[in-house]
Structures are given as structure tokens and as C-alpha cells.
Amino acid sequence: MAAKKVSRKELLKSPDEFLTFSSRAITFFKDHSTLFSYLGMGIVALVLVYLGINTFMKYINQKGQTAYNEAYYALMKNQNSKEGEENLKQPLELFEKVKNKYGLSKASRLATPEMAHLKFRDKKYDEAISLYQEFLAEIRGQAPYEAMTMLALAACYEEKGEFNEAIETLEQIKANPDVFFVEQAMLSLARVYRLSNQPEKSQETLNEFLEKFQTSPFLPQVKARLQESES
């Protein structure tokens, strides 16, 4: 059965759907004007907060980077000075300023390993270990930086005479064959085994090095150590 055709007269009599919707929308906004006013004020407030935080962080990052650069230049200037370790107090204080005063800046994280290195040179190994561990927690999964930090951490343990902790740290680097610093880790591992009266382990590590890294620039050094251990 064919649908009933709507006459032109009936079309003219029926209300326009768009006009009807518009009318309802206007009425709705009028009835809820206070609500929309509050919502508008809330959005404006959020935008202002975001802009304020963004501006503040840019300021902090800029100040932190400036302070870090000052500390780094002081380190480069003083690390080879005739006055020795005494002259490294200034860069240490400047790096501490970056960390304490501009802790929210990106440069603050970079200051941590620099401070750890200076503590190590000053033979304050416990403080150096604490700083290296703090930095290590922040960069987990970032392969080259993680391995470098673990090498430094192992050196601290070695200097303290905590050979088991040093061996455990170096073994973790060695267990990841894709890490660039495996060769350095194995050389350090052989040395720590020797220092901890485990010559068999030391020799085993050096022989493993020979098998894995036959084109290594450290090969002559490894062969020399093996000859010493065998003589």
C-alpha cells in the first residue's frame, strides 16, 4: 500500500524541527545559566592554572640549567688543578645547589651522578653509593646510562672492600650481552674476584672474555693477566 502523501498545507502547518530544537536549546540554557556560568569559570580557572604551572616550570628549568652549567664549568676548571681534591668542594656545592634549590628542574637529575662522582673522589663511598642508587632508580631500563651507573656503583663497593656487592653488580651488567659496557664489566669482575681471593673465578672470567671478544682492544691486557695468573 502506498504511503499517504502529506499535503503542502499540512507541511506549512507543522512546526519546523530546527526552529523547535533551537527554541528548546535556548530555553534550556536560560534555565541553567548559573550552571554554565560556573562551568565557564571553572574552565578559565583550569586554563590559568595550567599556564601558571607551565610558566613556572619553564622558569625552574631555565634556572636549574644555568646553575648546572655553572657547576659543570667549575668542575672542568678545577678537576686537574694543582690544589687537588680540595678545589673540588666548589663544584660539589654548586651541584648540591642545583639539586636542593632547583629540584623540580630537569637538570637536577643530571646533578645527582656528578655529586656521586665527587663524593667517590673524596672517598665518601657510602654517600656516593646512596647517590648512585638514587640515580639508578630514576634511569632503570635506559641501557647505556644504567650500565655506566652500575659500573660506578661497583667501583664504590670495591673501594670499600665490599667485594660481594661489587661482584653482584658487575654480574648484572655481564648478564646483558647487548650492553656496550660488558667488556669493562668483565675486566672489573676478574679484578674483584682476584682481590677477594677467588683466583679460579678470576681466570675463568678472563678466559670467557677471550672467547667472547676476540677483537677487543682490551685483548692484550687480558692475555697479560692470564699469563701472570698462570706463572
Protein backbone atom coordinates (compact mmCIF):
# COMPACT_ATOMS: atom_id res chain seq x y z
CA MET A 1 0.00 0.00 0.00
CA ALA A 2 1.42 3.41 -0.95
CA ALA A 3 2.32 5.79 1.85
CA LYS A 4 -0.06 8.64 2.43
CA LYS A 5 1.17 11.77 0.73
CA VAL A 6 1.46 14.79 3.02
CA SER A 7 -0.14 17.84 1.50
CA ARG A 8 1.64 21.20 1.18
CA LYS A 9 -0.94 22.74 3.50
CA GLU A 10 -0.14 20.23 6.23
CA LEU A 11 3.59 20.81 5.78
CA LEU A 12 3.11 24.53 6.26
CA LYS A 13 1.07 23.90 9.40
CA SER A 14 3.71 21.58 11.04
CA PRO A 15 6.41 23.32 13.13
CA ASP A 16 9.96 23.49 11.70
CA GLU A 17 12.09 20.88 13.53
CA PHE A 18 15.24 23.05 13.56
CA LEU A 19 13.36 26.03 14.98
CA THR A 20 11.73 23.79 17.57
CA PHE A 21 15.13 22.36 18.65
CA SER A 22 16.69 25.85 18.75
CA SER A 23 13.87 27.12 20.88
CA ARG A 24 14.27 24.25 23.32
CA ALA A 25 18.02 24.74 23.46
CA ILE A 26 17.65 28.45 24.23
CA THR A 27 15.16 27.66 26.97
CA PHE A 28 17.48 25.03 28.43
CA PHE A 29 20.47 27.43 28.52
CA LYS A 30 18.33 30.13 30.12
CA ASP A 31 17.11 27.75 32.81
CA HIS A 32 20.66 26.57 33.52
CA SER A 33 22.53 29.83 33.00
CA THR A 34 24.03 29.74 36.52
CA LEU A 35 25.40 26.23 35.98
CA PHE A 36 27.03 27.13 32.66
CA SER A 37 28.43 30.27 34.22
CA TYR A 38 30.16 28.20 36.90
CA LEU A 39 31.41 25.72 34.30
CA GLY A 40 32.85 28.54 32.24
CA MET A 41 34.58 29.99 35.27
CA GLY A 42 35.97 26.55 36.11
CA ILE A 43 37.44 26.09 32.63
CA VAL A 44 39.01 29.54 32.77
CA ALA A 45 40.48 28.71 36.17
CA LEU A 46 41.94 25.42 34.86
CA VAL A 47 43.50 27.22 31.89
CA LEU A 48 45.04 29.82 34.20
CA VAL A 49 46.43 27.10 36.49
CA TYR A 50 47.91 25.25 33.51
CA LEU A 51 49.51 28.40 32.13
CA GLY A 52 50.86 29.26 35.57
CA ILE A 53 52.40 25.81 36.10
CA ASN A 54 53.82 25.78 32.57
CA THR A 55 55.41 29.21 33.04
CA PHE A 56 56.78 28.24 36.46
CA MET A 57 58.32 25.01 35.13
CA LYS A 58 59.96 26.86 32.25
CA TYR A 59 61.44 29.29 34.76
CA ILE A 60 62.65 26.48 37.06
CA ASN A 61 64.17 24.53 34.17
CA GLN A 62 65.99 27.61 32.92
CA LYS A 63 67.35 28.47 36.37
CA GLY A 64 68.29 24.84 37.04
CA GLN A 65 70.14 24.53 33.74
CA THR A 66 72.04 27.77 34.38
CA ALA A 67 73.06 26.54 37.83
CA TYR A 68 74.09 23.15 36.43
CA ASN A 69 76.23 24.78 33.73
CA GLU A 70 77.97 26.88 36.39
CA ALA A 71 78.72 23.77 38.46
CA TYR A 72 79.93 21.79 35.44
CA TYR A 73 82.29 24.53 34.28
CA ALA A 74 83.67 24.80 37.81
CA LEU A 75 84.28 21.03 37.81
CA MET A 76 86.10 21.14 34.46
CA LYS A 77 88.20 24.06 35.64
CA ASN A 78 89.19 22.59 38.99
CA GLN A 79 89.42 18.82 38.50
CA ASN A 80 93.01 18.93 37.22
CA SER A 81 94.17 21.83 39.36
CA LYS A 82 97.34 21.64 41.44
CA GLU A 83 95.33 22.13 44.62
CA GLY A 84 93.88 18.64 44.17
CA GLU A 85 90.68 17.42 45.77
CA GLU A 86 90.39 20.49 47.97
CA ASN A 87 89.45 22.52 44.93
CA LEU A 88 86.56 20.22 44.10
CA LYS A 89 84.50 21.48 47.03
CA GLN A 90 83.23 24.40 44.97
CA PRO A 91 81.70 22.32 42.14
CA LEU A 92 80.23 19.93 44.72
CA GLU A 93 78.50 22.83 46.48
CA LEU A 94 77.23 24.13 43.14
CA PHE A 95 75.81 20.73 42.17
CA GLU A 96 74.16 20.49 45.59
CA LYS A 97 72.57 23.87 44.88
CA VAL A 98 71.10 22.54 41.64
CA LYS A 99 69.63 19.54 43.44
CA ASN A 100 68.35 21.33 46.53
CA LYS A 101 67.20 24.67 45.12
CA TYR A 102 66.03 23.55 41.67
CA GLY A 103 64.95 20.02 42.46
CA LEU A 104 62.00 20.22 40.06
CA SER A 105 64.19 21.09 37.09
CA LYS A 106 65.39 18.58 34.50
CA ALA A 107 69.00 19.48 35.29
CA SER A 108 68.51 18.34 38.89
CA ARG A 109 68.60 14.69 37.82
CA LEU A 110 71.90 15.23 35.99
CA ALA A 111 73.42 16.75 39.12
CA THR A 112 72.99 13.50 41.09
CA PRO A 113 75.69 11.38 39.35
CA GLU A 114 78.07 14.36 39.32
CA MET A 115 77.70 14.67 43.08
CA ALA A 116 78.19 10.92 43.45
CA HIS A 117 81.41 11.08 41.43
CA LEU A 118 82.77 13.90 43.58
CA LYS A 119 81.85 12.02 46.76
CA PHE A 120 83.71 8.98 45.38
CA ARG A 121 86.81 11.07 44.71
CA ASP A 122 86.60 12.39 48.26
CA LYS A 123 86.49 8.75 49.49
CA LYS A 124 82.99 9.24 50.92
CA TYR A 125 81.85 5.95 49.46
CA ASP A 126 78.64 5.49 51.42
CA GLU A 127 77.37 8.88 50.27
CA ALA A 128 78.45 8.12 46.71
CA ILE A 129 76.66 4.75 46.79
CA SER A 130 73.46 6.37 48.05
CA LEU A 131 73.53 8.96 45.25
CA TYR A 132 74.31 6.39 42.55
CA GLN A 133 71.46 4.18 43.78
CA GLU A 134 69.10 7.15 43.71
CA PHE A 135 70.10 7.94 40.13
CA LEU A 136 69.89 4.26 39.14
CA ALA A 137 66.28 4.11 40.33
CA GLU A 138 65.42 7.02 38.04
CA ILE A 139 67.01 5.59 34.88
CA ARG A 140 66.08 1.90 35.08
CA GLY A 141 65.72 0.50 31.58
CA GLN A 142 67.90 3.13 29.91
CA ALA A 143 70.62 0.68 28.95
CA PRO A 144 73.81 2.74 28.48
CA TYR A 145 73.22 5.07 31.43
CA GLU A 146 72.11 2.22 33.67
CA ALA A 147 75.25 0.18 32.89
CA MET A 148 77.57 3.17 33.39
CA THR A 149 75.97 3.90 36.77
CA MET A 150 76.28 0.27 37.83
CA LEU A 151 79.98 0.28 36.91
CA ALA A 152 80.47 3.35 39.09
CA LEU A 153 78.48 1.71 41.87
CA ALA A 154 80.63 -1.42 41.67
CA ALA A 155 83.76 0.74 41.91
CA CYS A 156 82.42 2.24 45.15
CA TYR A 157 81.80 -1.22 46.61
CA GLU A 158 85.27 -2.33 45.51
CA GLU A 159 86.96 0.63 47.19
CA LYS A 160 85.01 -0.09 50.38
CA GLY A 161 86.15 -3.70 50.29
CA GLU A 162 82.58 -4.94 49.84
CA PHE A 163 83.57 -7.37 47.12
CA ASN A 164 80.40 -9.47 47.15
CA GLU A 165 78.27 -6.40 46.40
CA ALA A 166 80.70 -5.36 43.65
CA ILE A 167 80.61 -8.84 42.10
CA GLU A 168 76.81 -8.95 42.20
CA THR A 169 76.56 -5.55 40.49
CA LEU A 170 79.07 -6.46 37.77
CA GLU A 171 77.42 -9.83 37.14
CA GLN A 172 74.18 -7.99 36.39
CA ILE A 173 75.92 -5.99 33.65
CA LYS A 174 77.59 -9.12 32.29
CA ALA A 175 74.23 -10.92 32.11
CA ASN A 176 73.03 -8.46 29.44
CA PRO A 177 75.06 -9.21 26.27
CA ASP A 178 73.57 -6.23 24.42
CA VAL A 179 75.06 -3.67 26.79
CA PHE A 180 78.05 -1.76 25.44
CA PHE A 181 79.95 -1.92 28.74
CA VAL A 182 80.07 -5.71 29.14
CA GLU A 183 83.81 -5.79 28.34
CA GLN A 184 84.62 -3.25 31.05
CA ALA A 185 82.36 -5.10 33.47
CA MET A 186 84.14 -8.42 32.86
CA LEU A 187 87.58 -6.85 33.32
CA SER A 188 86.44 -5.33 36.61
CA LEU A 189 84.84 -8.62 37.59
CA ALA A 190 88.10 -10.53 37.05
CA ARG A 191 89.94 -7.96 39.17
CA VAL A 192 87.41 -8.09 42.02
CA TYR A 193 87.47 -11.90 42.02
CA ARG A 194 91.25 -11.72 42.33
CA LEU A 195 91.04 -9.17 45.18
CA SER A 196 88.51 -11.35 47.00
CA ASN A 197 90.85 -14.37 46.89
CA GLN A 198 88.95 -16.20 44.16
CA PRO A 199 91.72 -16.69 41.55
CA GLU A 200 89.89 -19.54 39.79
CA LYS A 201 86.87 -17.32 39.22
CA SER A 202 89.10 -14.51 38.01
CA GLN A 203 90.85 -16.78 35.50
CA GLU A 204 87.53 -18.24 34.37
CA THR A 205 86.21 -14.73 33.67
CA LEU A 206 89.30 -13.78 31.66
CA ASN A 207 89.08 -16.97 29.58
CA GLU A 208 85.42 -16.25 28.92
CA PHE A 209 86.43 -12.76 27.81
CA LEU A 210 88.92 -14.26 25.30
CA GLU A 211 86.20 -16.43 23.79
CA LYS A 212 83.58 -13.69 23.50
CA PHE A 213 85.63 -10.65 22.49
CA GLN A 214 88.42 -11.77 20.17
CA THR A 215 88.68 -8.35 18.51
CA SER A 216 88.53 -6.32 21.70
CA PRO A 217 91.13 -3.57 22.24
CA PHE A 218 91.47 -4.95 25.79
CA LEU A 219 92.69 -8.34 24.48
CA PRO A 220 96.43 -7.75 25.12
CA GLN A 221 95.62 -6.70 28.68
CA VAL A 222 93.53 -9.84 29.25
CA LYS A 223 96.25 -12.13 27.84
CA ALA A 224 98.85 -10.47 30.04
CA ARG A 225 96.73 -11.04 33.14
CA LEU A 226 96.21 -14.68 32.20
CA GLN A 227 99.94 -15.19 31.80
CA GLU A 228 100.53 -13.62 35.21
CA SER A 229 97.96 -15.88 36.84
CA GLU A 230 99.43 -19.00 35.20
CA SER A 231 103.04 -18.20 36.12
